[in-house]
Amino acid sequence: MDEQVISPSESVVCILTGHELKDPNATVKYHTGIDMKAVQDLAPRSEPHGRLSNRPIPVEDDLDSILRAMDAPRTPVR
């Protein structure tokens, strides 16, 4: 946004893939407040506190579902 490459009205889709050399925990914790390194069932929950955090939107793994989710209205986290 600072470089005006993505406007505030545009949607951005990020696809995180698993790999031993990546640590998606930082991204997941930033956007959900869930510490994935903790035991899954006992993972502490907190409200996301990042200025630009967005809760994940679970979708089926097909293009139509992804496109429908992208058109869905967003509820900002406050």
PDB file of N, CA and C in Angstrom:
ATOM      1  N   MET A   1       0.816  -1.182   0.000  1.00  0.00           N
ATOM      2  CA  MET A   1       0.000   0.000   0.000  1.00  0.00           C
ATOM      3  C   MET A   1       0.865   1.253   0.000  1.00  0.00           C
ATOM      4  N   ASP A   2       1.966   1.226   0.750  1.00  0.00           N
ATOM      5  CA  ASP A   2       2.825   2.397   0.784  1.00  0.00           C
ATOM      6  C   ASP A   2       3.375   2.732  -0.597  1.00  0.00           C
ATOM      7  N   GLU A   3       3.660   1.693  -1.392  1.00  0.00           N
ATOM      8  CA  GLU A   3       4.201   1.907  -2.729  1.00  0.00           C
ATOM      9  C   GLU A   3       3.084   2.047  -3.760  1.00  0.00           C
ATOM     10  N   GLN A   4       1.837   1.988  -3.321  1.00  0.00           N
ATOM     11  CA  GLN A   4       0.649   2.129  -4.166  1.00  0.00           C
ATOM     12  C   GLN A   4       0.592   1.077  -5.265  1.00  0.00           C
ATOM     13  N   VAL A   5       1.079  -0.125  -4.953  1.00  0.00           N
ATOM     14  CA  VAL A   5       0.982  -1.243  -5.887  1.00  0.00           C
ATOM     15  C   VAL A   5      -0.377  -1.907  -5.721  1.00  0.00           C
ATOM     16  N   ILE A   6      -0.866  -1.979  -4.485  1.00  0.00           N
ATOM     17  CA  ILE A   6      -2.161  -2.568  -4.171  1.00  0.00           C
ATOM     18  C   ILE A   6      -3.010  -1.471  -3.544  1.00  0.00           C
ATOM     19  N   SER A   7      -4.167  -1.230  -4.109  1.00  0.00           N
ATOM     20  CA  SER A   7      -5.019  -0.182  -3.557  1.00  0.00           C
ATOM     21  C   SER A   7      -5.807  -0.728  -2.368  1.00  0.00           C
ATOM     22  N   PRO A   8      -6.260   0.145  -1.478  1.00  0.00           N
ATOM     23  CA  PRO A   8      -7.021  -0.308  -0.301  1.00  0.00           C
ATOM     24  C   PRO A   8      -8.304  -1.059  -0.657  1.00  0.00           C
ATOM     25  N   SER A   9      -8.842  -0.860  -1.858  1.00  0.00           N
ATOM     26  CA  SER A   9     -10.092  -1.525  -2.245  1.00  0.00           C
ATOM     27  C   SER A   9      -9.857  -2.887  -2.894  1.00  0.00           C
ATOM     28  N   GLU A  10      -8.612  -3.274  -3.146  1.00  0.00           N
ATOM     29  CA  GLU A  10      -8.315  -4.548  -3.790  1.00  0.00           C
ATOM     30  C   GLU A  10      -8.164  -5.668  -2.765  1.00  0.00           C
ATOM     31  N   SER A  11      -8.437  -6.899  -3.203  1.00  0.00           N
ATOM     32  CA  SER A  11      -8.241  -8.083  -2.374  1.00  0.00           C
ATOM     33  C   SER A  11      -6.934  -8.748  -2.768  1.00  0.00           C
ATOM     34  N   VAL A  12      -6.274  -9.347  -1.783  1.00  0.00           N
ATOM     35  CA  VAL A  12      -5.029 -10.063  -2.022  1.00  0.00           C
ATOM     36  C   VAL A  12      -5.208 -11.475  -1.490  1.00  0.00           C
ATOM     37  N   VAL A  13      -4.779 -12.468  -2.266  1.00  0.00           N
ATOM     38  CA  VAL A  13      -4.854 -13.859  -1.843  1.00  0.00           C
ATOM     39  C   VAL A  13      -3.444 -14.365  -1.624  1.00  0.00           C
ATOM     40  N   CYS A  14      -3.201 -14.942  -0.456  1.00  0.00           N
ATOM     41  CA  CYS A  14      -1.905 -15.545  -0.147  1.00  0.00           C
ATOM     42  C   CYS A  14      -2.121 -17.034   0.071  1.00  0.00           C
ATOM     43  N   ILE A  15      -1.300 -17.830  -0.563  1.00  0.00           N
ATOM     44  CA  ILE A  15      -1.374 -19.279  -0.378  1.00  0.00           C
ATOM     45  C   ILE A  15      -0.097 -19.707   0.312  1.00  0.00           C
ATOM     46  N   LEU A  16      -0.246 -20.217   1.536  1.00  0.00           N
ATOM     47  CA  LEU A  16       0.894 -20.681   2.316  1.00  0.00           C
ATOM     48  C   LEU A  16       1.041 -22.174   2.110  1.00  0.00           C
ATOM     49  N   THR A  17       2.208 -22.618   1.750  1.00  0.00           N
ATOM     50  CA  THR A  17       2.450 -24.044   1.600  1.00  0.00           C
ATOM     51  C   THR A  17       3.416 -24.493   2.691  1.00  0.00           C
ATOM     52  N   GLY A  18       3.270 -25.724   3.109  1.00  0.00           N
ATOM     53  CA  GLY A  18       4.136 -26.237   4.149  1.00  0.00           C
ATOM     54  C   GLY A  18       5.483 -26.697   3.612  1.00  0.00           C
ATOM     55  N   HIS A  19       6.515 -26.485   4.393  1.00  0.00           N
ATOM     56  CA  HIS A  19       7.853 -26.929   4.037  1.00  0.00           C
ATOM     57  C   HIS A  19       8.689 -26.869   5.312  1.00  0.00           C
ATOM     58  N   GLU A  20       9.608 -27.784   5.464  1.00  0.00           N
ATOM     59  CA  GLU A  20      10.423 -27.818   6.685  1.00  0.00           C
ATOM     60  C   GLU A  20      11.223 -26.543   6.902  1.00  0.00           C
ATOM     61  N   LEU A  21      11.575 -25.851   5.826  1.00  0.00           N
ATOM     62  CA  LEU A  21      12.413 -24.665   5.964  1.00  0.00           C
ATOM     63  C   LEU A  21      11.617 -23.384   6.203  1.00  0.00           C
ATOM     64  N   LYS A  22      10.294 -23.479   6.141  1.00  0.00           N
ATOM     65  CA  LYS A  22       9.460 -22.308   6.382  1.00  0.00           C
ATOM     66  C   LYS A  22       8.884 -22.386   7.792  1.00  0.00           C
ATOM     67  N   ASP A  23       8.560 -21.255   8.348  1.00  0.00           N
ATOM     68  CA  ASP A  23       7.898 -21.227   9.652  1.00  0.00           C
ATOM     69  C   ASP A  23       6.620 -20.420   9.519  1.00  0.00           C
ATOM     70  N   PRO A  24       5.514 -21.067   9.103  1.00  0.00           N
ATOM     71  CA  PRO A  24       4.263 -20.330   8.945  1.00  0.00           C
ATOM     72  C   PRO A  24       3.644 -19.916  10.280  1.00  0.00           C
ATOM     73  N   ASN A  25       4.194 -20.384  11.412  1.00  0.00           N
ATOM     74  CA  ASN A  25       3.624 -20.042  12.711  1.00  0.00           C
ATOM     75  C   ASN A  25       3.530 -18.530  12.904  1.00  0.00           C
ATOM     76  N   ALA A  26       4.535 -17.798  12.473  1.00  0.00           N
ATOM     77  CA  ALA A  26       4.520 -16.347  12.648  1.00  0.00           C
ATOM     78  C   ALA A  26       3.339 -15.732  11.898  1.00  0.00           C
ATOM     79  N   THR A  27       3.081 -16.196  10.680  1.00  0.00           N
ATOM     80  CA  THR A  27       1.964 -15.669   9.895  1.00  0.00           C
ATOM     81  C   THR A  27       0.638 -16.061  10.516  1.00  0.00           C
ATOM     82  N   VAL A  28       0.502 -17.340  10.886  1.00  0.00           N
ATOM     83  CA  VAL A  28      -0.745 -17.812  11.490  1.00  0.00           C
ATOM     84  C   VAL A  28      -1.017 -17.059  12.789  1.00  0.00           C
ATOM     85  N   LYS A  29      -0.002 -16.899  13.631  1.00  0.00           N
ATOM     86  CA  LYS A  29      -0.197 -16.211  14.909  1.00  0.00           C
ATOM     87  C   LYS A  29      -0.556 -14.745  14.689  1.00  0.00           C
ATOM     88  N   TYR A  30       0.077 -14.104  13.725  1.00  0.00           N
ATOM     89  CA  TYR A  30      -0.214 -12.693  13.430  1.00  0.00           C
ATOM     90  C   TYR A  30      -1.681 -12.506  13.048  1.00  0.00           C
ATOM     91  N   HIS A  31      -2.206 -13.397  12.181  1.00  0.00           N
ATOM     92  CA  HIS A  31      -3.550 -13.220  11.663  1.00  0.00           C
ATOM     93  C   HIS A  31      -4.646 -13.848  12.512  1.00  0.00           C
ATOM     94  N   THR A  32      -4.318 -14.838  13.339  1.00  0.00           N
ATOM     95  CA  THR A  32      -5.358 -15.527  14.113  1.00  0.00           C
ATOM     96  C   THR A  32      -5.160 -15.446  15.619  1.00  0.00           C
ATOM     97  N   GLY A  33      -3.949 -15.130  16.067  1.00  0.00           N
ATOM     98  CA  GLY A  33      -3.663 -15.143  17.498  1.00  0.00           C
ATOM     99  C   GLY A  33      -3.415 -16.543  18.033  1.00  0.00           C
ATOM    100  N   ILE A  34      -3.332 -17.553  17.165  1.00  0.00           N
ATOM    101  CA  ILE A  34      -3.132 -18.942  17.584  1.00  0.00           C
ATOM    102  C   ILE A  34      -1.656 -19.310  17.451  1.00  0.00           C
ATOM    103  N   ASP A  35      -1.058 -19.798  18.553  1.00  0.00           N
ATOM    104  CA  ASP A  35       0.317 -20.258  18.531  1.00  0.00           C
ATOM    105  C   ASP A  35       0.322 -21.725  18.118  1.00  0.00           C
ATOM    106  N   MET A  36       0.608 -21.973  16.839  1.00  0.00           N
ATOM    107  CA  MET A  36       0.545 -23.328  16.301  1.00  0.00           C
ATOM    108  C   MET A  36       1.647 -24.236  16.829  1.00  0.00           C
ATOM    109  N   LYS A  37       2.706 -23.671  17.403  1.00  0.00           N
ATOM    110  CA  LYS A  37       3.775 -24.505  17.947  1.00  0.00           C
ATOM    111  C   LYS A  37       3.352 -25.157  19.259  1.00  0.00           C
ATOM    112  N   ALA A  38       2.354 -24.593  19.885  1.00  0.00           N
ATOM    113  CA  ALA A  38       1.830 -25.188  21.120  1.00  0.00           C
ATOM    114  C   ALA A  38       1.007 -26.420  20.738  1.00  0.00           C
ATOM    115  N   VAL A  39       0.678 -27.215  21.695  1.00  0.00           N
ATOM    116  CA  VAL A  39      -0.156 -28.386  21.431  1.00  0.00           C
ATOM    117  C   VAL A  39      -1.461 -27.908  20.810  1.00  0.00           C
ATOM    118  N   GLN A  40      -1.841 -28.527  19.699  1.00  0.00           N
ATOM    119  CA  GLN A  40      -2.971 -28.049  18.899  1.00  0.00           C
ATOM    120  C   GLN A  40      -4.237 -27.833  19.726  1.00  0.00           C
ATOM    121  N   ASP A  41      -4.630 -28.821  20.514  1.00  0.00           N
ATOM    122  CA  ASP A  41      -5.879 -28.700  21.273  1.00  0.00           C
ATOM    123  C   ASP A  41      -5.780 -27.697  22.405  1.00  0.00           C
ATOM    124  N   LEU A  42      -4.581 -27.432  22.866  1.00  0.00           N
ATOM    125  CA  LEU A  42      -4.398 -26.523  24.005  1.00  0.00           C
ATOM    126  C   LEU A  42      -3.820 -25.180  23.587  1.00  0.00           C
ATOM    127  N   ALA A  43      -3.769 -24.931  22.281  1.00  0.00           N
ATOM    128  CA  ALA A  43      -3.156 -23.699  21.784  1.00  0.00           C
ATOM    129  C   ALA A  43      -3.861 -22.479  22.367  1.00  0.00           C
ATOM    130  N   PRO A  44      -3.074 -21.558  22.950  1.00  0.00           N
ATOM    131  CA  PRO A  44      -3.689 -20.346  23.505  1.00  0.00           C
ATOM    132  C   PRO A  44      -4.301 -19.494  22.397  1.00  0.00           C
ATOM    133  N   ARG A  45      -5.466 -18.935  22.685  1.00  0.00           N
ATOM    134  CA  ARG A  45      -6.149 -18.075  21.721  1.00  0.00           C
ATOM    135  C   ARG A  45      -6.108 -16.638  22.226  1.00  0.00           C
ATOM    136  N   SER A  46      -5.928 -15.737  21.311  1.00  0.00           N
ATOM    137  CA  SER A  46      -6.017 -14.316  21.640  1.00  0.00           C
ATOM    138  C   SER A  46      -6.538 -13.601  20.415  1.00  0.00           C
ATOM    139  N   GLU A  47      -7.078 -12.437  20.613  1.00  0.00           N
ATOM    140  CA  GLU A  47      -7.553 -11.652  19.489  1.00  0.00           C
ATOM    141  C   GLU A  47      -6.351 -11.168  18.690  1.00  0.00           C
ATOM    142  N   PRO A  48      -6.438 -11.228  17.374  1.00  0.00           N
ATOM    143  CA  PRO A  48      -5.339 -10.703  16.562  1.00  0.00           C
ATOM    144  C   PRO A  48      -5.111  -9.235  16.886  1.00  0.00           C
ATOM    145  N   HIS A  49      -3.861  -8.828  16.925  1.00  0.00           N
ATOM    146  CA  HIS A  49      -3.561  -7.441  17.284  1.00  0.00           C
ATOM    147  C   HIS A  49      -2.833  -6.687  16.179  1.00  0.00           C
ATOM    148  N   GLY A  50      -2.541  -7.359  15.092  1.00  0.00           N
ATOM    149  CA  GLY A  50      -1.858  -6.702  13.982  1.00  0.00           C
ATOM    150  C   GLY A  50      -2.762  -5.684  13.307  1.00  0.00           C
ATOM    151  N   ARG A  51      -2.196  -4.567  12.926  1.00  0.00           N
ATOM    152  CA  ARG A  51      -2.964  -3.487  12.301  1.00  0.00           C
ATOM    153  C   ARG A  51      -3.644  -3.948  11.014  1.00  0.00           C
ATOM    154  N   LEU A  52      -3.040  -4.870  10.290  1.00  0.00           N
ATOM    155  CA  LEU A  52      -3.584  -5.330   9.017  1.00  0.00           C
ATOM    156  C   LEU A  52      -3.993  -6.799   9.062  1.00  0.00           C
ATOM    157  N   SER A  53      -4.208  -7.350  10.256  1.00  0.00           N
ATOM    158  CA  SER A  53      -4.526  -8.777  10.353  1.00  0.00           C
ATOM    159  C   SER A  53      -5.904  -9.083   9.777  1.00  0.00           C
ATOM    160  N   ASN A  54      -6.025 -10.251   9.200  1.00  0.00           N
ATOM    161  CA  ASN A  54      -7.278 -10.751   8.629  1.00  0.00           C
ATOM    162  C   ASN A  54      -7.455 -12.191   9.056  1.00  0.00           C
ATOM    163  N   ARG A  55      -8.648 -12.521   9.506  1.00  0.00           N
ATOM    164  CA  ARG A  55      -8.918 -13.912   9.857  1.00  0.00           C
ATOM    165  C   ARG A  55      -8.962 -14.745   8.580  1.00  0.00           C
ATOM    166  N   PRO A  56      -8.427 -15.972   8.626  1.00  0.00           N
ATOM    167  CA  PRO A  56      -8.481 -16.824   7.443  1.00  0.00           C
ATOM    168  C   PRO A  56      -9.920 -17.184   7.093  1.00  0.00           C
ATOM    169  N   ILE A  57     -10.166 -17.393   5.825  1.00  0.00           N
ATOM    170  CA  ILE A  57     -11.479 -17.829   5.344  1.00  0.00           C
ATOM    171  C   ILE A  57     -11.295 -19.234   4.773  1.00  0.00           C
ATOM    172  N   PRO A  58     -11.742 -20.275   5.501  1.00  0.00           N
ATOM    173  CA  PRO A  58     -11.587 -21.635   4.983  1.00  0.00           C
ATOM    174  C   PRO A  58     -12.458 -21.838   3.743  1.00  0.00           C
ATOM    175  N   VAL A  59     -11.897 -22.423   2.696  1.00  0.00           N
ATOM    176  CA  VAL A  59     -12.646 -22.717   1.481  1.00  0.00           C
ATOM    177  C   VAL A  59     -12.246 -24.097   0.968  1.00  0.00           C
ATOM    178  N   GLU A  60     -13.128 -24.674   0.169  1.00  0.00           N
ATOM    179  CA  GLU A  60     -12.810 -25.929  -0.491  1.00  0.00           C
ATOM    180  C   GLU A  60     -11.680 -25.680  -1.487  1.00  0.00           C
ATOM    181  N   ASP A  61     -10.981 -26.731  -1.880  1.00  0.00           N
ATOM    182  CA  ASP A  61      -9.830 -26.573  -2.761  1.00  0.00           C
ATOM    183  C   ASP A  61     -10.210 -26.659  -4.235  1.00  0.00           C
ATOM    184  N   ASP A  62     -11.142 -25.792  -4.639  1.00  0.00           N
ATOM    185  CA  ASP A  62     -11.473 -25.695  -6.059  1.00  0.00           C
ATOM    186  C   ASP A  62     -11.664 -24.223  -6.417  1.00  0.00           C
ATOM    187  N   LEU A  63     -11.450 -23.908  -7.672  1.00  0.00           N
ATOM    188  CA  LEU A  63     -11.432 -22.525  -8.127  1.00  0.00           C
ATOM    189  C   LEU A  63     -12.742 -21.802  -7.855  1.00  0.00           C
ATOM    190  N   ASP A  64     -13.886 -22.448  -8.102  1.00  0.00           N
ATOM    191  CA  ASP A  64     -15.168 -21.780  -7.880  1.00  0.00           C
ATOM    192  C   ASP A  64     -15.350 -21.376  -6.420  1.00  0.00           C
ATOM    193  N   SER A  65     -14.968 -22.247  -5.493  1.00  0.00           N
ATOM    194  CA  SER A  65     -15.090 -21.923  -4.066  1.00  0.00           C
ATOM    195  C   SER A  65     -14.183 -20.754  -3.688  1.00  0.00           C
ATOM    196  N   ILE A  66     -12.980 -20.754  -4.238  1.00  0.00           N
ATOM    197  CA  ILE A  66     -12.040 -19.671  -3.950  1.00  0.00           C
ATOM    198  C   ILE A  66     -12.573 -18.352  -4.494  1.00  0.00           C
ATOM    199  N   LEU A  67     -13.091 -18.364  -5.712  1.00  0.00           N
ATOM    200  CA  LEU A  67     -13.632 -17.131  -6.294  1.00  0.00           C
ATOM    201  C   LEU A  67     -14.845 -16.636  -5.517  1.00  0.00           C
ATOM    202  N   ARG A  68     -15.724 -17.551  -5.083  1.00  0.00           N
ATOM    203  CA  ARG A  68     -16.879 -17.140  -4.259  1.00  0.00           C
ATOM    204  C   ARG A  68     -16.406 -16.507  -2.957  1.00  0.00           C
ATOM    205  N   ALA A  69     -15.393 -17.097  -2.332  1.00  0.00           N
ATOM    206  CA  ALA A  69     -14.882 -16.551  -1.072  1.00  0.00           C
ATOM    207  C   ALA A  69     -14.277 -15.166  -1.280  1.00  0.00           C
ATOM    208  N   MET A  70     -13.658 -14.945  -2.410  1.00  0.00           N
ATOM    209  CA  MET A  70     -13.057 -13.637  -2.682  1.00  0.00           C
ATOM    210  C   MET A  70     -14.123 -12.570  -2.888  1.00  0.00           C
ATOM    211  N   ASP A  71     -15.301 -12.967  -3.347  1.00  0.00           N
ATOM    212  CA  ASP A  71     -16.398 -12.018  -3.537  1.00  0.00           C
ATOM    213  C   ASP A  71     -17.220 -11.813  -2.270  1.00  0.00           C
ATOM    214  N   ALA A  72     -17.000 -12.650  -1.262  1.00  0.00           N
ATOM    215  CA  ALA A  72     -17.780 -12.549  -0.027  1.00  0.00           C
ATOM    216  C   ALA A  72     -17.441 -11.271   0.716  1.00  0.00           C
ATOM    217  N   PRO A  73     -18.422 -10.677   1.384  1.00  0.00           N
ATOM    218  CA  PRO A  73     -18.121  -9.470   2.171  1.00  0.00           C
ATOM    219  C   PRO A  73     -17.187  -9.788   3.332  1.00  0.00           C
ATOM    220  N   ARG A  74     -16.313  -8.877   3.630  1.00  0.00           N
ATOM    221  CA  ARG A  74     -15.335  -9.054   4.716  1.00  0.00           C
ATOM    222  C   ARG A  74     -15.814  -8.317   5.960  1.00  0.00           C
ATOM    223  N   THR A  75     -15.583  -8.915   7.110  1.00  0.00           N
ATOM    224  CA  THR A  75     -15.868  -8.255   8.377  1.00  0.00           C
ATOM    225  C   THR A  75     -14.541  -7.869   9.001  1.00  0.00           C
ATOM    226  N   PRO A  76     -14.244  -6.581   9.092  1.00  0.00           N
ATOM    227  CA  PRO A  76     -12.957  -6.172   9.658  1.00  0.00           C
ATOM    228  C   PRO A  76     -12.839  -6.543  11.136  1.00  0.00           C
ATOM    229  N   VAL A  77     -11.644  -6.920  11.552  1.00  0.00           N
ATOM    230  CA  VAL A  77     -11.353  -7.209  12.949  1.00  0.00           C
ATOM    231  C   VAL A  77     -11.034  -5.893  13.628  1.00  0.00           C
ATOM    232  N   ARG A  78     -11.664  -5.614  14.707  1.00  0.00           N
ATOM    233  CA  ARG A  78     -11.415  -4.344  15.423  1.00  0.00           C
ATOM    234  C   ARG A  78     -10.775  -4.609  16.755  1.00  0.00           C
TER     235      ARG A  78
END
